[in-house]
Amino acid sequence: MASYFDEHDCEPTNPEEQYRQNALLELARSLMQGLDIDSGAFDLSDWDQRLPPPAAKTAVQTLPVVVISPEQADKGLKCPVCLLEFEEQETVREMPCKHLFHSGCILPWLGKTNSCPLCRLELPTDNPEYEEFKKDKDRRKQRENRLEDLHGAMYT
């Protein structure tokens, strides 16, 4: 029976060469994960430690005002913040994620942070640094997905 190296017409690597190859692979992995990437003039990872900024004023002002229907009132639909049931014909604010809130509940919240209290869907902000952080975070996530797809394609 032939050895693996004879079957594949290759020579075993010496340990020093194997160490260099592994080191290069580790370097490539760390770069792809964004660990050693210079993020420019400001530290974008700082946003991972802080609350997001308030929602943009234009985004808050353009939230649709919805009138509670008799069906919604009959279901006992509640404001997720104050937990009071919505009354028939009451006007409430609708987030882009379709969650409904009393204006007096959601507007102060969005004045402090830019996300839905239930699902954390984020509204735009007026903070350019945070918006750049979100774009960079999306790019990193896309890069990871592409890398996973590439990795998966190699083994199918």
Protein backbone atom coordinates (compact mmCIF):
# COMPACT_ATOMS: atom_id res chain seq x y z
CA MET A 1 0.00 0.00 0.00
CA ALA A 2 1.39 3.40 -1.02
CA SER A 3 1.82 6.18 1.50
CA TYR A 4 -0.31 9.31 1.43
CA PHE A 5 2.61 11.34 0.09
CA ASP A 6 3.28 8.85 -2.72
CA GLU A 7 -0.42 8.76 -3.69
CA HIS A 8 -0.64 12.54 -3.93
CA ASP A 9 2.81 13.00 -5.42
CA CYS A 10 3.97 15.38 -2.69
CA GLU A 11 6.62 15.60 -0.02
CA PRO A 12 5.94 15.95 3.70
CA THR A 13 6.55 19.49 4.90
CA ASN A 14 9.22 20.12 7.41
CA PRO A 15 7.97 21.46 10.79
CA GLU A 16 9.52 24.91 10.30
CA GLU A 17 7.78 25.39 6.95
CA GLN A 18 4.48 24.13 8.42
CA TYR A 19 4.79 26.67 11.26
CA ARG A 20 5.20 29.53 8.73
CA GLN A 21 2.16 28.37 6.77
CA ASN A 22 0.05 28.19 9.95
CA ALA A 23 1.27 31.61 11.04
CA LEU A 24 0.25 33.08 7.67
CA LEU A 25 -3.18 31.45 7.94
CA GLU A 26 -3.65 32.87 11.45
CA LEU A 27 -2.61 36.33 10.25
CA ALA A 28 -5.08 36.14 7.36
CA ARG A 29 -7.89 35.03 9.70
CA SER A 30 -7.23 37.85 12.15
CA LEU A 31 -7.19 40.41 9.34
CA MET A 32 -10.45 39.05 7.91
CA GLN A 33 -12.06 39.31 11.35
CA GLY A 34 -11.05 42.96 11.53
CA LEU A 35 -8.82 42.60 14.57
CA ASP A 36 -5.84 44.46 13.13
CA ILE A 37 -7.58 46.90 10.80
CA ASP A 38 -6.86 50.60 11.33
CA SER A 39 -10.24 52.30 11.71
CA GLY A 40 -9.00 55.78 10.95
CA ALA A 41 -9.06 58.97 12.99
CA PHE A 42 -11.63 57.83 15.55
CA ASP A 43 -12.10 54.53 17.32
CA LEU A 44 -15.29 52.97 15.95
CA SER A 45 -15.26 50.11 18.45
CA ASP A 46 -15.96 52.71 21.17
CA TRP A 47 -19.65 52.53 20.15
CA ASP A 48 -19.72 48.90 21.25
CA GLN A 49 -19.31 50.16 24.82
CA ARG A 50 -21.83 53.03 24.75
CA LEU A 51 -25.52 53.49 24.08
CA PRO A 52 -26.38 54.56 20.55
CA PRO A 53 -27.18 58.26 20.08
CA PRO A 54 -30.75 59.59 19.81
CA ALA A 55 -32.76 59.02 16.66
CA ALA A 56 -32.58 61.70 13.98
CA LYS A 57 -35.21 64.40 14.46
CA THR A 58 -36.47 63.97 10.89
CA ALA A 59 -36.85 60.21 11.40
CA VAL A 60 -38.88 60.77 14.57
CA GLN A 61 -41.05 63.48 13.00
CA THR A 62 -41.88 61.26 10.03
CA LEU A 63 -43.04 58.28 12.11
CA PRO A 64 -46.56 57.49 10.93
CA VAL A 65 -49.47 58.34 13.20
CA VAL A 66 -51.93 55.44 13.26
CA VAL A 67 -55.50 55.34 14.56
CA ILE A 68 -56.30 52.24 16.61
CA SER A 69 -59.02 50.23 14.91
CA PRO A 70 -61.92 48.58 16.77
CA GLU A 71 -60.34 45.18 15.99
CA GLN A 72 -57.02 46.19 17.53
CA ALA A 73 -58.76 47.58 20.60
CA ASP A 74 -60.85 44.40 20.96
CA LYS A 75 -57.68 42.28 20.87
CA GLY A 76 -56.39 44.15 23.90
CA LEU A 77 -53.37 45.53 22.06
CA LYS A 78 -51.06 47.32 24.55
CA CYS A 79 -48.32 49.91 24.40
CA PRO A 80 -45.12 47.94 25.10
CA VAL A 81 -43.68 50.78 27.20
CA CYS A 82 -46.47 51.70 29.63
CA LEU A 83 -48.46 48.44 29.19
CA LEU A 84 -51.79 50.31 28.93
CA GLU A 85 -54.29 48.99 26.40
CA PHE A 86 -54.86 51.15 23.36
CA GLU A 87 -58.33 52.67 23.13
CA GLU A 88 -60.45 52.57 20.00
CA GLN A 89 -59.78 55.63 17.78
CA GLU A 90 -56.67 56.55 19.82
CA THR A 91 -53.73 57.90 17.78
CA VAL A 92 -50.38 56.16 18.28
CA ARG A 93 -46.96 56.17 16.60
CA GLU A 94 -45.87 53.30 14.38
CA MET A 95 -42.19 52.40 14.13
CA PRO A 96 -40.75 51.07 10.82
CA CYS A 97 -40.84 47.59 12.40
CA LYS A 98 -44.66 48.03 12.76
CA HIS A 99 -44.62 48.14 16.59
CA LEU A 100 -47.12 50.64 17.99
CA PHE A 101 -46.50 53.03 20.90
CA HIS A 102 -48.16 55.97 22.63
CA SER A 103 -46.48 59.19 21.46
CA GLY A 104 -45.75 60.09 25.08
CA CYS A 105 -43.94 56.77 25.51
CA ILE A 106 -41.89 56.43 22.33
CA LEU A 107 -40.84 60.04 21.73
CA PRO A 108 -38.83 60.39 24.98
CA TRP A 109 -37.25 56.99 24.29
CA LEU A 110 -36.15 58.01 20.81
CA GLY A 111 -34.78 61.22 22.30
CA LYS A 112 -32.30 59.04 24.21
CA THR A 113 -31.57 56.16 21.82
CA ASN A 114 -32.32 55.32 18.20
CA SER A 115 -33.84 51.84 18.45
CA CYS A 116 -37.22 50.23 18.95
CA PRO A 117 -37.59 49.17 22.60
CA LEU A 118 -38.94 45.77 21.50
CA CYS A 119 -36.91 44.55 18.55
CA ARG A 120 -33.98 47.01 18.56
CA LEU A 121 -34.51 48.01 14.92
CA GLU A 122 -32.43 51.16 14.56
CA LEU A 123 -33.58 54.47 13.14
CA PRO A 124 -31.05 56.82 11.52
CA THR A 125 -29.23 59.27 13.80
CA ASP A 126 -27.81 62.76 13.35
CA ASN A 127 -24.41 61.51 14.55
CA PRO A 128 -22.01 61.00 11.58
CA GLU A 129 -19.53 58.97 13.66
CA TYR A 130 -22.23 56.51 14.72
CA GLU A 131 -23.57 56.21 11.17
CA GLU A 132 -20.03 55.39 9.98
CA PHE A 133 -19.74 52.80 12.77
CA LYS A 134 -23.00 51.16 11.58
CA LYS A 135 -21.74 51.04 7.98
CA ASP A 136 -18.42 49.54 9.09
CA LYS A 137 -20.26 46.98 11.23
CA ASP A 138 -22.43 46.00 8.24
CA ARG A 139 -19.34 45.68 6.03
CA ARG A 140 -17.65 43.40 8.58
CA LYS A 141 -20.79 41.26 8.79
CA GLN A 142 -20.98 41.00 4.98
CA ARG A 143 -17.28 40.08 4.83
CA GLU A 144 -17.83 37.33 7.40
CA ASN A 145 -20.82 36.01 5.44
CA ARG A 146 -18.82 35.99 2.20
CA LEU A 147 -15.98 34.18 3.95
CA GLU A 148 -18.42 31.58 5.36
CA ASP A 149 -19.97 31.12 1.91
CA LEU A 150 -16.54 30.70 0.36
CA HIS A 151 -15.54 28.25 3.07
CA GLY A 152 -18.78 26.29 2.59
CA ALA A 153 -18.32 26.21 -1.18
CA MET A 154 -14.88 24.66 -0.77
CA TYR A 155 -16.36 21.63 0.99
CA THR A 156 -19.49 20.96 -1.06
